[in-house]
Amino acid sequence: MTEITPLIPETSTIKRAGFTAIIGAPNAGKSTLVNHLVGTKIAIVTHKVQTTRFPICGVAHHGTAQIVLVDTPGIFRAKKRLDRAMVKAAWVGANDADAVVHLIDAAAWVAALENKASAAERLSVEDDRRVMATLHETGRKALLALNKIDLFPHDKVLPIMDELRASGVYDEIFMLSALNGDGVAHLTEKLASLMPEGPAMYPPDQTADLPMRLLAAEVTREKLMLRLHQELPYQLMVETESWEQFDNGSVKIRQAIIIARESHKGMVLGKGGASIKAIGKAAREDLTEMLGQTVHLMLFVKVDPKWMERRESYTAYGLEFDV
């Protein structure tokens, strides 16, 4: 696996700085790519689709350029209010960015070409075509990044590259594996060259533009998604209710796991509280490593049938409610 060790430059050495939006279908690997480019974990990653709910900014550096990476929610056919808000946030991030990367799950396209695609892979390809159509309609050019190239022989992607190149919406095509880092350096170099001239937007040692309370809530939500295999993860949210710093350097974090139905509480708690204990332990370990201090994490479950229809549930994450 190719590791990227973030080099922290002096603020005065930054000559270029701008935003790059990473867009694409759910589960294409956007959060994995952003984490790799930044050099540390700033976005949650699971095998489930629709993991990212709101744009998260990660700060990467290459040479004299600062690249602010916007990890956007997956773009898919949206029906529910939360889904519509997520898709709208993704396109807003793309429209406001200095550069756009359309990340595609190339393994899904190869499977579709060979008529071996699963339902999820077919849906991923459909979502990618929807992104391409919108890019064509708006005239917005993008860089195309074909992800997961470590999963198939490279010659299988050649006809797909020809089709995607013929669409006319991409300036350049990159082949990479966001998981192991293959090809990521070439994309990073290109993005650095596309950033406009100007001073640093963030202190060079800052890796994310995300309040720690929100990041902590996202870490716990990641563990919930990894632990729970039913549809429940998409019907819950995590809210950091209190953050108490102690003189000995430790911190006590109290979080509410908000669910829509009373019947879901047992799924979160597990038999004898086993699930919530395991979730809390995994989240606490991640947070301790990320914060560099001892974390005491207190989790409890709250039932709110209308949380997905409350305006504040959206505005707190920078999502539009009236979409």
C-alpha atoms as a PDB file:
ATOM      1  CA  MET A   1       0.000   0.000   0.000  1.00  0.00           C
ATOM      2  CA  THR A   2       1.305   3.432  -0.937  1.00  0.00           C
ATOM      3  CA  GLU A   3       1.264   5.731   2.077  1.00  0.00           C
ATOM      4  CA  ILE A   4       1.108   9.508   1.769  1.00  0.00           C
ATOM      5  CA  THR A   5       2.886  11.329   4.555  1.00  0.00           C
ATOM      6  CA  PRO A   6       1.485  14.862   4.639  1.00  0.00           C
ATOM      7  CA  LEU A   7       4.210  17.452   4.287  1.00  0.00           C
ATOM      8  CA  ILE A   8       3.300  20.553   6.264  1.00  0.00           C
ATOM      9  CA  PRO A   9       4.644  23.641   4.479  1.00  0.00           C
ATOM     10  CA  GLU A  10       5.123  27.111   5.869  1.00  0.00           C
ATOM     11  CA  THR A  11       2.195  29.437   5.202  1.00  0.00           C
ATOM     12  CA  SER A  12       4.499  31.777   3.272  1.00  0.00           C
ATOM     13  CA  THR A  13       5.412  29.042   0.792  1.00  0.00           C
ATOM     14  CA  ILE A  14       1.821  28.537  -0.383  1.00  0.00           C
ATOM     15  CA  LYS A  15       1.474  30.206  -3.787  1.00  0.00           C
ATOM     16  CA  ARG A  16      -1.736  28.529  -4.985  1.00  0.00           C
ATOM     17  CA  ALA A  17      -4.902  27.631  -3.112  1.00  0.00           C
ATOM     18  CA  GLY A  18      -8.368  26.556  -4.160  1.00  0.00           C
ATOM     19  CA  PHE A  19     -11.205  24.067  -3.880  1.00  0.00           C
ATOM     20  CA  THR A  20     -11.596  20.678  -5.544  1.00  0.00           C
ATOM     21  CA  ALA A  21     -14.957  18.897  -5.377  1.00  0.00           C
ATOM     22  CA  ILE A  22     -14.964  15.099  -5.457  1.00  0.00           C
ATOM     23  CA  ILE A  23     -18.314  13.980  -6.905  1.00  0.00           C
ATOM     24  CA  GLY A  24     -19.741  10.642  -7.967  1.00  0.00           C
ATOM     25  CA  ALA A  25     -22.146   7.835  -7.216  1.00  0.00           C
ATOM     26  CA  PRO A  26     -22.535   6.535  -3.652  1.00  0.00           C
ATOM     27  CA  ASN A  27     -19.774   4.130  -2.606  1.00  0.00           C
ATOM     28  CA  ALA A  28     -17.455   5.110  -5.466  1.00  0.00           C
ATOM     29  CA  GLY A  29     -14.678   5.693  -2.912  1.00  0.00           C
ATOM     30  CA  LYS A  30     -14.823   9.481  -2.524  1.00  0.00           C
ATOM     31  CA  SER A  31     -14.171   9.527   1.222  1.00  0.00           C
ATOM     32  CA  THR A  32     -11.346   6.996   0.877  1.00  0.00           C
ATOM     33  CA  LEU A  33      -9.711   9.185  -1.781  1.00  0.00           C
ATOM     34  CA  VAL A  34     -10.057  12.371   0.281  1.00  0.00           C
ATOM     35  CA  ASN A  35      -8.605  10.679   3.372  1.00  0.00           C
ATOM     36  CA  HIS A  36      -5.667   9.422   1.304  1.00  0.00           C
ATOM     37  CA  LEU A  37      -4.992  12.825  -0.250  1.00  0.00           C
ATOM     38  CA  VAL A  38      -5.140  14.586   3.125  1.00  0.00           C
ATOM     39  CA  GLY A  39      -2.957  11.935   4.738  1.00  0.00           C
ATOM     40  CA  THR A  40      -5.283  11.307   7.670  1.00  0.00           C
ATOM     41  CA  LYS A  41      -8.860  10.303   8.328  1.00  0.00           C
ATOM     42  CA  ILE A  42     -11.294  13.209   8.054  1.00  0.00           C
ATOM     43  CA  ALA A  43     -14.286  11.461   6.457  1.00  0.00           C
ATOM     44  CA  ILE A  44     -16.038   8.285   7.535  1.00  0.00           C
ATOM     45  CA  VAL A  45     -15.747   5.264   5.277  1.00  0.00           C
ATOM     46  CA  THR A  46     -17.979   2.178   5.181  1.00  0.00           C
ATOM     47  CA  HIS A  47     -18.972  -0.396   2.591  1.00  0.00           C
ATOM     48  CA  LYS A  48     -22.505   1.015   2.662  1.00  0.00           C
ATOM     49  CA  VAL A  49     -23.792   3.576   0.171  1.00  0.00           C
ATOM     50  CA  GLN A  50     -24.851   7.089   1.203  1.00  0.00           C
ATOM     51  CA  THR A  51     -22.323   7.153   4.060  1.00  0.00           C
ATOM     52  CA  THR A  52     -21.383  10.814   3.532  1.00  0.00           C
ATOM     53  CA  ARG A  53     -24.363  13.080   4.219  1.00  0.00           C
ATOM     54  CA  PHE A  54     -22.838  16.542   3.873  1.00  0.00           C
ATOM     55  CA  PRO A  55     -19.778  18.154   2.279  1.00  0.00           C
ATOM     56  CA  ILE A  56     -16.613  17.714   4.341  1.00  0.00           C
ATOM     57  CA  CYS A  57     -13.500  19.744   3.545  1.00  0.00           C
ATOM     58  CA  GLY A  58     -10.067  18.180   3.823  1.00  0.00           C
ATOM     59  CA  VAL A  59      -6.870  20.187   3.384  1.00  0.00           C
ATOM     60  CA  ALA A  60      -4.059  18.683   1.283  1.00  0.00           C
ATOM     61  CA  HIS A  61      -0.747  20.117   0.078  1.00  0.00           C
ATOM     62  CA  HIS A  62       1.424  19.473  -2.935  1.00  0.00           C
ATOM     63  CA  GLY A  63       4.498  21.585  -3.504  1.00  0.00           C
ATOM     64  CA  THR A  64       3.445  25.214  -3.138  1.00  0.00           C
ATOM     65  CA  ALA A  65      -0.252  24.457  -3.607  1.00  0.00           C
ATOM     66  CA  GLN A  66      -2.962  24.020  -0.999  1.00  0.00           C
ATOM     67  CA  ILE A  67      -5.849  21.872  -2.226  1.00  0.00           C
ATOM     68  CA  VAL A  68      -9.077  22.084  -0.224  1.00  0.00           C
ATOM     69  CA  LEU A  69     -10.900  18.857  -1.052  1.00  0.00           C
ATOM     70  CA  VAL A  70     -14.667  18.814  -0.740  1.00  0.00           C
ATOM     71  CA  ASP A  71     -15.913  15.264  -0.105  1.00  0.00           C
ATOM     72  CA  THR A  72     -19.507  15.482  -1.310  1.00  0.00           C
ATOM     73  CA  PRO A  73     -22.447  13.134  -0.675  1.00  0.00           C
ATOM     74  CA  GLY A  74     -23.039  10.562  -3.391  1.00  0.00           C
ATOM     75  CA  ILE A  75     -25.166  11.674  -6.329  1.00  0.00           C
ATOM     76  CA  PHE A  76     -28.127   9.381  -6.891  1.00  0.00           C
ATOM     77  CA  ARG A  77     -31.839   9.459  -7.749  1.00  0.00           C
ATOM     78  CA  ALA A  78     -33.255  11.255  -4.723  1.00  0.00           C
ATOM     79  CA  LYS A  79     -36.802  10.929  -3.421  1.00  0.00           C
ATOM     80  CA  LYS A  80     -36.818  11.666   0.315  1.00  0.00           C
ATOM     81  CA  ARG A  81     -36.083  15.129   1.716  1.00  0.00           C
ATOM     82  CA  LEU A  82     -32.761  14.075   3.246  1.00  0.00           C
ATOM     83  CA  ASP A  83     -31.700  12.445  -0.030  1.00  0.00           C
ATOM     84  CA  ARG A  84     -32.617  15.555  -2.029  1.00  0.00           C
ATOM     85  CA  ALA A  85     -30.670  17.750   0.386  1.00  0.00           C
ATOM     86  CA  MET A  86     -27.610  15.507   0.082  1.00  0.00           C
ATOM     87  CA  VAL A  87     -27.646  15.540  -3.729  1.00  0.00           C
ATOM     88  CA  LYS A  88     -28.166  19.318  -3.792  1.00  0.00           C
ATOM     89  CA  ALA A  89     -25.155  19.744  -1.485  1.00  0.00           C
ATOM     90  CA  ALA A  90     -23.038  17.653  -3.849  1.00  0.00           C
ATOM     91  CA  TRP A  91     -23.854  19.796  -6.874  1.00  0.00           C
ATOM     92  CA  VAL A  92     -23.403  23.043  -4.947  1.00  0.00           C
ATOM     93  CA  GLY A  93     -19.942  21.814  -3.969  1.00  0.00           C
ATOM     94  CA  ALA A  94     -19.145  21.070  -7.611  1.00  0.00           C
ATOM     95  CA  ASN A  95     -20.437  24.392  -8.920  1.00  0.00           C
ATOM     96  CA  ASP A  96     -18.429  26.410  -6.390  1.00  0.00           C
ATOM     97  CA  ALA A  97     -15.150  24.532  -6.865  1.00  0.00           C
ATOM     98  CA  ASP A  98     -12.071  25.498  -8.873  1.00  0.00           C
ATOM     99  CA  ALA A  99     -11.729  21.897 -10.053  1.00  0.00           C
ATOM    100  CA  VAL A 100     -14.072  18.913 -10.152  1.00  0.00           C
ATOM    101  CA  VAL A 101     -13.142  15.237  -9.998  1.00  0.00           C
ATOM    102  CA  HIS A 102     -15.781  12.721 -11.045  1.00  0.00           C
ATOM    103  CA  LEU A 103     -14.795   9.530  -9.266  1.00  0.00           C
ATOM    104  CA  ILE A 104     -16.180   6.368 -10.856  1.00  0.00           C
ATOM    105  CA  ASP A 105     -16.210   2.801  -9.559  1.00  0.00           C
ATOM    106  CA  ALA A 106     -14.488   1.329 -12.597  1.00  0.00           C
ATOM    107  CA  ALA A 107     -15.006  -2.224 -11.308  1.00  0.00           C
ATOM    108  CA  ALA A 108     -18.771  -1.695 -11.537  1.00  0.00           C
ATOM    109  CA  TRP A 109     -18.445  -0.523 -15.149  1.00  0.00           C
ATOM    110  CA  VAL A 110     -16.304  -3.547 -16.055  1.00  0.00           C
ATOM    111  CA  ALA A 111     -18.852  -5.868 -14.458  1.00  0.00           C
ATOM    112  CA  ALA A 112     -21.670  -4.150 -16.350  1.00  0.00           C
ATOM    113  CA  LEU A 113     -19.771  -4.451 -19.636  1.00  0.00           C
ATOM    114  CA  GLU A 114     -19.403  -8.187 -19.050  1.00  0.00           C
ATOM    115  CA  ASN A 115     -23.059  -8.538 -17.990  1.00  0.00           C
ATOM    116  CA  LYS A 116     -21.922  -9.680 -14.550  1.00  0.00           C
ATOM    117  CA  ALA A 117     -22.933  -6.592 -12.576  1.00  0.00           C
ATOM    118  CA  SER A 118     -24.883  -6.872  -9.344  1.00  0.00           C
ATOM    119  CA  ALA A 119     -27.940  -4.692  -8.785  1.00  0.00           C
ATOM    120  CA  ALA A 120     -25.798  -2.269  -6.767  1.00  0.00           C
ATOM    121  CA  GLU A 121     -23.180  -2.085  -9.530  1.00  0.00           C
ATOM    122  CA  ARG A 122     -25.820  -1.462 -12.196  1.00  0.00           C
ATOM    123  CA  LEU A 123     -27.257   1.326 -10.068  1.00  0.00           C
ATOM    124  CA  SER A 124     -23.782   2.821  -9.647  1.00  0.00           C
ATOM    125  CA  VAL A 125     -23.315   2.958 -13.427  1.00  0.00           C
ATOM    126  CA  GLU A 126     -26.749   4.574 -13.825  1.00  0.00           C
ATOM    127  CA  ASP A 127     -25.813   7.202 -11.237  1.00  0.00           C
ATOM    128  CA  ASP A 128     -22.536   7.869 -13.076  1.00  0.00           C
ATOM    129  CA  ARG A 129     -24.426   8.412 -16.334  1.00  0.00           C
ATOM    130  CA  ARG A 130     -26.718  10.829 -14.518  1.00  0.00           C
ATOM    131  CA  VAL A 131     -23.668  12.788 -13.335  1.00  0.00           C
ATOM    132  CA  MET A 132     -22.281  12.832 -16.870  1.00  0.00           C
ATOM    133  CA  ALA A 133     -25.587  14.124 -18.248  1.00  0.00           C
ATOM    134  CA  THR A 134     -25.666  16.952 -15.708  1.00  0.00           C
ATOM    135  CA  LEU A 135     -22.052  17.896 -16.450  1.00  0.00           C
ATOM    136  CA  HIS A 136     -22.939  17.975 -20.151  1.00  0.00           C
ATOM    137  CA  GLU A 137     -26.029  20.124 -19.550  1.00  0.00           C
ATOM    138  CA  THR A 138     -24.188  22.631 -17.383  1.00  0.00           C
ATOM    139  CA  GLY A 139     -21.057  22.703 -19.516  1.00  0.00           C
ATOM    140  CA  ARG A 140     -18.942  22.046 -16.432  1.00  0.00           C
ATOM    141  CA  LYS A 141     -15.725  20.193 -17.285  1.00  0.00           C
ATOM    142  CA  ALA A 142     -14.314  17.638 -14.866  1.00  0.00           C
ATOM    143  CA  LEU A 143     -11.373  15.336 -14.376  1.00  0.00           C
ATOM    144  CA  LEU A 144     -12.374  11.685 -14.547  1.00  0.00           C
ATOM    145  CA  ALA A 145     -10.853   9.329 -11.985  1.00  0.00           C
ATOM    146  CA  LEU A 146     -11.414   5.622 -12.562  1.00  0.00           C
ATOM    147  CA  ASN A 147     -11.202   4.062  -9.111  1.00  0.00           C
ATOM    148  CA  LYS A 148     -10.659   0.469  -7.895  1.00  0.00           C
ATOM    149  CA  ILE A 149      -8.326  -0.443 -10.763  1.00  0.00           C
ATOM    150  CA  ASP A 150      -6.679  -2.960  -8.443  1.00  0.00           C
ATOM    151  CA  LEU A 151      -9.734  -5.198  -8.804  1.00  0.00           C
ATOM    152  CA  PHE A 152      -9.450  -6.151 -12.497  1.00  0.00           C
ATOM    153  CA  PRO A 153      -6.946  -6.461 -15.401  1.00  0.00           C
ATOM    154  CA  HIS A 154      -6.335  -2.980 -16.819  1.00  0.00           C
ATOM    155  CA  ASP A 155      -7.045  -3.963 -20.417  1.00  0.00           C
ATOM    156  CA  LYS A 156     -10.693  -4.505 -19.464  1.00  0.00           C
ATOM    157  CA  VAL A 157     -11.182  -0.799 -18.820  1.00  0.00           C
ATOM    158  CA  LEU A 158      -9.986   0.374 -22.246  1.00  0.00           C
ATOM    159  CA  PRO A 159     -13.407   0.256 -23.989  1.00  0.00           C
ATOM    160  CA  ILE A 160     -14.934   2.019 -21.000  1.00  0.00           C
ATOM    161  CA  MET A 161     -12.322   4.760 -21.211  1.00  0.00           C
ATOM    162  CA  ASP A 162     -13.131   5.205 -24.898  1.00  0.00           C
ATOM    163  CA  GLU A 163     -16.844   5.594 -24.136  1.00  0.00           C
ATOM    164  CA  LEU A 164     -16.300   8.024 -21.283  1.00  0.00           C
ATOM    165  CA  ARG A 165     -13.771  10.077 -23.252  1.00  0.00           C
ATOM    166  CA  ALA A 166     -16.272  10.351 -26.122  1.00  0.00           C
ATOM    167  CA  SER A 167     -18.826  11.948 -23.781  1.00  0.00           C
ATOM    168  CA  GLY A 168     -16.870  15.209 -24.049  1.00  0.00           C
ATOM    169  CA  VAL A 169     -17.296  16.187 -20.387  1.00  0.00           C
ATOM    170  CA  TYR A 170     -13.828  15.232 -19.155  1.00  0.00           C
ATOM    171  CA  ASP A 171     -10.591  17.158 -19.591  1.00  0.00           C
ATOM    172  CA  GLU A 172      -8.389  14.259 -18.555  1.00  0.00           C
ATOM    173  CA  ILE A 173      -8.674  10.665 -17.312  1.00  0.00           C
ATOM    174  CA  PHE A 174      -6.782   9.141 -14.389  1.00  0.00           C
ATOM    175  CA  MET A 175      -6.669   5.503 -13.279  1.00  0.00           C
ATOM    176  CA  LEU A 176      -6.171   4.948  -9.568  1.00  0.00           C
ATOM    177  CA  SER A 177      -6.887   2.960  -6.455  1.00  0.00           C
ATOM    178  CA  ALA A 178      -7.999   5.215  -3.625  1.00  0.00           C
ATOM    179  CA  LEU A 179      -7.534   2.301  -1.241  1.00  0.00           C
ATOM    180  CA  ASN A 180      -3.871   1.540  -1.863  1.00  0.00           C
ATOM    181  CA  GLY A 181      -2.809   4.852  -3.392  1.00  0.00           C
ATOM    182  CA  ASP A 182      -1.832   3.670  -6.875  1.00  0.00           C
ATOM    183  CA  GLY A 183      -2.106   6.560  -9.338  1.00  0.00           C
ATOM    184  CA  VAL A 184      -3.175   9.066  -6.687  1.00  0.00           C
ATOM    185  CA  ALA A 185       0.076  11.054  -6.954  1.00  0.00           C
ATOM    186  CA  HIS A 186      -0.602  11.861 -10.630  1.00  0.00           C
ATOM    187  CA  LEU A 187      -4.072  13.172  -9.781  1.00  0.00           C
ATOM    188  CA  THR A 188      -2.667  15.232  -6.906  1.00  0.00           C
ATOM    189  CA  GLU A 189      -0.095  16.857  -9.184  1.00  0.00           C
ATOM    190  CA  LYS A 190      -2.794  17.773 -11.695  1.00  0.00           C
ATOM    191  CA  LEU A 191      -5.065  19.252  -9.030  1.00  0.00           C
ATOM    192  CA  ALA A 192      -2.216  21.326  -7.637  1.00  0.00           C
ATOM    193  CA  SER A 193      -1.631  22.838 -11.079  1.00  0.00           C
ATOM    194  CA  LEU A 194      -5.312  23.786 -11.365  1.00  0.00           C
ATOM    195  CA  MET A 195      -5.466  25.736  -8.117  1.00  0.00           C
ATOM    196  CA  PRO A 196      -5.602  29.517  -8.653  1.00  0.00           C
ATOM    197  CA  GLU A 197      -2.779  31.738  -7.481  1.00  0.00           C
ATOM    198  CA  GLY A 198      -3.303  33.053  -3.987  1.00  0.00           C
ATOM    199  CA  PRO A 199      -2.393  32.633  -0.311  1.00  0.00           C
ATOM    200  CA  ALA A 200      -3.259  29.656   1.876  1.00  0.00           C
ATOM    201  CA  MET A 201      -6.919  29.405   2.883  1.00  0.00           C
ATOM    202  CA  TYR A 202      -6.195  27.347   5.995  1.00  0.00           C
ATOM    203  CA  PRO A 203      -3.226  27.025   8.371  1.00  0.00           C
ATOM    204  CA  PRO A 204      -0.885  24.430   6.850  1.00  0.00           C
ATOM    205  CA  ASP A 205      -1.244  22.098   9.861  1.00  0.00           C
ATOM    206  CA  GLN A 206      -5.055  22.041   9.645  1.00  0.00           C
ATOM    207  CA  THR A 207      -6.385  18.905   7.955  1.00  0.00           C
ATOM    208  CA  ALA A 208     -10.137  19.529   7.969  1.00  0.00           C
ATOM    209  CA  ASP A 209     -12.717  22.304   8.060  1.00  0.00           C
ATOM    210  CA  LEU A 210     -15.087  20.534  10.408  1.00  0.00           C
ATOM    211  CA  PRO A 211     -16.034  21.304  14.041  1.00  0.00           C
ATOM    212  CA  MET A 212     -14.724  18.605  16.370  1.00  0.00           C
ATOM    213  CA  ARG A 213     -18.203  18.005  17.808  1.00  0.00           C
ATOM    214  CA  LEU A 214     -19.458  17.200  14.331  1.00  0.00           C
ATOM    215  CA  LEU A 215     -16.447  15.057  13.472  1.00  0.00           C
ATOM    216  CA  ALA A 216     -16.903  13.094  16.702  1.00  0.00           C
ATOM    217  CA  ALA A 217     -20.557  12.488  15.838  1.00  0.00           C
ATOM    218  CA  GLU A 218     -19.559  11.274  12.381  1.00  0.00           C
ATOM    219  CA  VAL A 219     -17.051   8.809  13.851  1.00  0.00           C
ATOM    220  CA  THR A 220     -19.774   7.274  16.002  1.00  0.00           C
ATOM    221  CA  ARG A 221     -22.176   7.151  13.052  1.00  0.00           C
ATOM    222  CA  GLU A 222     -19.529   5.286  11.066  1.00  0.00           C
ATOM    223  CA  LYS A 223     -19.315   2.629  13.781  1.00  0.00           C
ATOM    224  CA  LEU A 224     -23.111   2.341  13.835  1.00  0.00           C
ATOM    225  CA  MET A 225     -23.178   1.794  10.065  1.00  0.00           C
ATOM    226  CA  LEU A 226     -20.474  -0.851  10.272  1.00  0.00           C
ATOM    227  CA  ARG A 227     -22.195  -2.644  13.136  1.00  0.00           C
ATOM    228  CA  LEU A 228     -25.818  -2.526  11.938  1.00  0.00           C
ATOM    229  CA  HIS A 229     -26.560  -4.339   8.694  1.00  0.00           C
ATOM    230  CA  GLN A 230     -30.250  -3.523   8.277  1.00  0.00           C
ATOM    231  CA  GLU A 231     -31.693  -0.337   6.764  1.00  0.00           C
ATOM    232  CA  LEU A 232     -31.573   1.328  10.174  1.00  0.00           C
ATOM    233  CA  PRO A 233     -28.262   3.215   9.626  1.00  0.00           C
ATOM    234  CA  TYR A 234     -29.948   5.478   7.079  1.00  0.00           C
ATOM    235  CA  GLN A 235     -32.695   6.359   9.557  1.00  0.00           C
ATOM    236  CA  LEU A 236     -30.506   7.554  12.404  1.00  0.00           C
ATOM    237  CA  MET A 237     -28.232  10.439  13.266  1.00  0.00           C
ATOM    238  CA  VAL A 238     -25.701  11.140  16.013  1.00  0.00           C
ATOM    239  CA  GLU A 239     -25.558  14.413  17.900  1.00  0.00           C
ATOM    240  CA  THR A 240     -22.739  15.494  20.225  1.00  0.00           C
ATOM    241  CA  GLU A 241     -24.602  17.033  23.148  1.00  0.00           C
ATOM    242  CA  SER A 242     -21.702  17.948  25.426  1.00  0.00           C
ATOM    243  CA  TRP A 243     -17.892  18.164  25.342  1.00  0.00           C
ATOM    244  CA  GLU A 244     -16.181  18.483  28.724  1.00  0.00           C
ATOM    245  CA  GLN A 245     -12.424  19.037  28.895  1.00  0.00           C
ATOM    246  CA  PHE A 246     -10.601  17.976  32.093  1.00  0.00           C
ATOM    247  CA  ASP A 247      -7.410  19.326  33.641  1.00  0.00           C
ATOM    248  CA  ASN A 248      -5.652  15.973  33.188  1.00  0.00           C
ATOM    249  CA  GLY A 249      -5.964  16.320  29.395  1.00  0.00           C
ATOM    250  CA  SER A 250      -8.837  13.892  28.927  1.00  0.00           C
ATOM    251  CA  VAL A 251     -12.217  14.772  27.467  1.00  0.00           C
ATOM    252  CA  LYS A 252     -15.736  13.517  28.207  1.00  0.00           C
ATOM    253  CA  ILE A 253     -18.039  13.408  25.179  1.00  0.00           C
ATOM    254  CA  ARG A 254     -21.762  12.760  25.514  1.00  0.00           C
ATOM    255  CA  GLN A 255     -23.627  11.783  22.346  1.00  0.00           C
ATOM    256  CA  ALA A 256     -27.222  10.983  21.477  1.00  0.00           C
ATOM    257  CA  ILE A 257     -28.004   8.321  18.879  1.00  0.00           C
ATOM    258  CA  ILE A 258     -31.286   9.565  17.441  1.00  0.00           C
ATOM    259  CA  ILE A 259     -33.620   7.016  15.848  1.00  0.00           C
ATOM    260  CA  ALA A 260     -37.059   7.368  14.318  1.00  0.00           C
ATOM    261  CA  ARG A 261     -38.837   4.408  15.915  1.00  0.00           C
ATOM    262  CA  GLU A 262     -39.022   2.919  19.399  1.00  0.00           C
ATOM    263  CA  SER A 263     -38.746  -0.535  17.820  1.00  0.00           C
ATOM    264  CA  HIS A 264     -35.265   0.359  16.525  1.00  0.00           C
ATOM    265  CA  LYS A 265     -33.857   0.902  20.012  1.00  0.00           C
ATOM    266  CA  GLY A 266     -33.252  -2.797  20.598  1.00  0.00           C
ATOM    267  CA  MET A 267     -31.254  -3.028  17.382  1.00  0.00           C
ATOM    268  CA  VAL A 268     -28.925  -0.254  18.501  1.00  0.00           C
ATOM    269  CA  LEU A 269     -28.574  -1.491  22.072  1.00  0.00           C
ATOM    270  CA  GLY A 270     -28.201  -5.181  21.221  1.00  0.00           C
ATOM    271  CA  LYS A 271     -28.694  -8.063  23.633  1.00  0.00           C
ATOM    272  CA  GLY A 272     -27.614  -6.968  27.084  1.00  0.00           C
ATOM    273  CA  GLY A 273     -26.336  -3.720  25.580  1.00  0.00           C
ATOM    274  CA  ALA A 274     -23.651  -5.574  23.614  1.00  0.00           C
ATOM    275  CA  SER A 275     -24.048  -3.576  20.387  1.00  0.00           C
ATOM    276  CA  ILE A 276     -23.913  -0.098  21.870  1.00  0.00           C
ATOM    277  CA  LYS A 277     -20.941  -1.110  24.026  1.00  0.00           C
ATOM    278  CA  ALA A 278     -19.035  -2.355  20.959  1.00  0.00           C
ATOM    279  CA  ILE A 279     -19.975   0.766  18.986  1.00  0.00           C
ATOM    280  CA  GLY A 280     -18.855   3.010  21.836  1.00  0.00           C
ATOM    281  CA  LYS A 281     -15.550   1.150  22.222  1.00  0.00           C
ATOM    282  CA  ALA A 282     -14.729   1.384  18.509  1.00  0.00           C
ATOM    283  CA  ALA A 283     -15.671   5.077  18.335  1.00  0.00           C
ATOM    284  CA  ARG A 284     -13.716   5.878  21.511  1.00  0.00           C
ATOM    285  CA  GLU A 285     -10.573   4.212  20.138  1.00  0.00           C
ATOM    286  CA  ASP A 286     -10.789   6.194  16.890  1.00  0.00           C
ATOM    287  CA  LEU A 287     -11.428   9.474  18.683  1.00  0.00           C
ATOM    288  CA  THR A 288      -8.583   8.888  21.136  1.00  0.00           C
ATOM    289  CA  GLU A 289      -6.194   8.416  18.211  1.00  0.00           C
ATOM    290  CA  MET A 290      -7.577  11.385  16.257  1.00  0.00           C
ATOM    291  CA  LEU A 291      -7.571  13.791  19.206  1.00  0.00           C
ATOM    292  CA  GLY A 292      -4.368  12.557  20.792  1.00  0.00           C
ATOM    293  CA  GLN A 293      -5.986  12.488  24.227  1.00  0.00           C
ATOM    294  CA  THR A 294      -7.952  10.100  26.420  1.00  0.00           C
ATOM    295  CA  VAL A 295     -11.636  10.097  25.478  1.00  0.00           C
ATOM    296  CA  HIS A 296     -14.525   9.105  27.750  1.00  0.00           C
ATOM    297  CA  LEU A 297     -17.482   8.521  25.412  1.00  0.00           C
ATOM    298  CA  MET A 298     -21.028   8.310  26.774  1.00  0.00           C
ATOM    299  CA  LEU A 299     -23.706   7.097  24.347  1.00  0.00           C
ATOM    300  CA  PHE A 300     -27.463   6.966  24.806  1.00  0.00           C
ATOM    301  CA  VAL A 301     -30.397   6.383  22.469  1.00  0.00           C
ATOM    302  CA  LYS A 302     -33.117   8.953  21.843  1.00  0.00           C
ATOM    303  CA  VAL A 303     -36.318   8.322  19.870  1.00  0.00           C
ATOM    304  CA  ASP A 304     -37.500  11.213  17.658  1.00  0.00           C
ATOM    305  CA  PRO A 305     -39.962  10.094  14.942  1.00  0.00           C
ATOM    306  CA  LYS A 306     -39.743  13.444  13.165  1.00  0.00           C
ATOM    307  CA  TRP A 307     -36.014  14.127  13.214  1.00  0.00           C
ATOM    308  CA  MET A 308     -35.735  13.831   9.400  1.00  0.00           C
ATOM    309  CA  GLU A 309     -38.409  16.520   9.012  1.00  0.00           C
ATOM    310  CA  ARG A 310     -36.896  19.054  11.406  1.00  0.00           C
ATOM    311  CA  ARG A 311     -35.118  22.015   9.835  1.00  0.00           C
ATOM    312  CA  GLU A 312     -32.382  22.072  12.460  1.00  0.00           C
ATOM    313  CA  SER A 313     -31.407  18.499  11.559  1.00  0.00           C
ATOM    314  CA  TYR A 314     -30.302  19.870   8.175  1.00  0.00           C
ATOM    315  CA  THR A 315     -28.962  23.347   8.945  1.00  0.00           C
ATOM    316  CA  ALA A 316     -26.548  21.969  11.542  1.00  0.00           C
ATOM    317  CA  TYR A 317     -24.853  20.018   8.735  1.00  0.00           C
ATOM    318  CA  GLY A 318     -24.968  22.789   6.140  1.00  0.00           C
ATOM    319  CA  LEU A 319     -27.748  21.096   4.163  1.00  0.00           C
ATOM    320  CA  GLU A 320     -30.716  22.875   2.614  1.00  0.00           C
ATOM    321  CA  PHE A 321     -34.055  21.954   4.153  1.00  0.00           C
ATOM    322  CA  ASP A 322     -36.320  23.354   1.417  1.00  0.00           C
ATOM    323  CA  VAL A 323     -35.153  21.228  -1.533  1.00  0.00           C
END
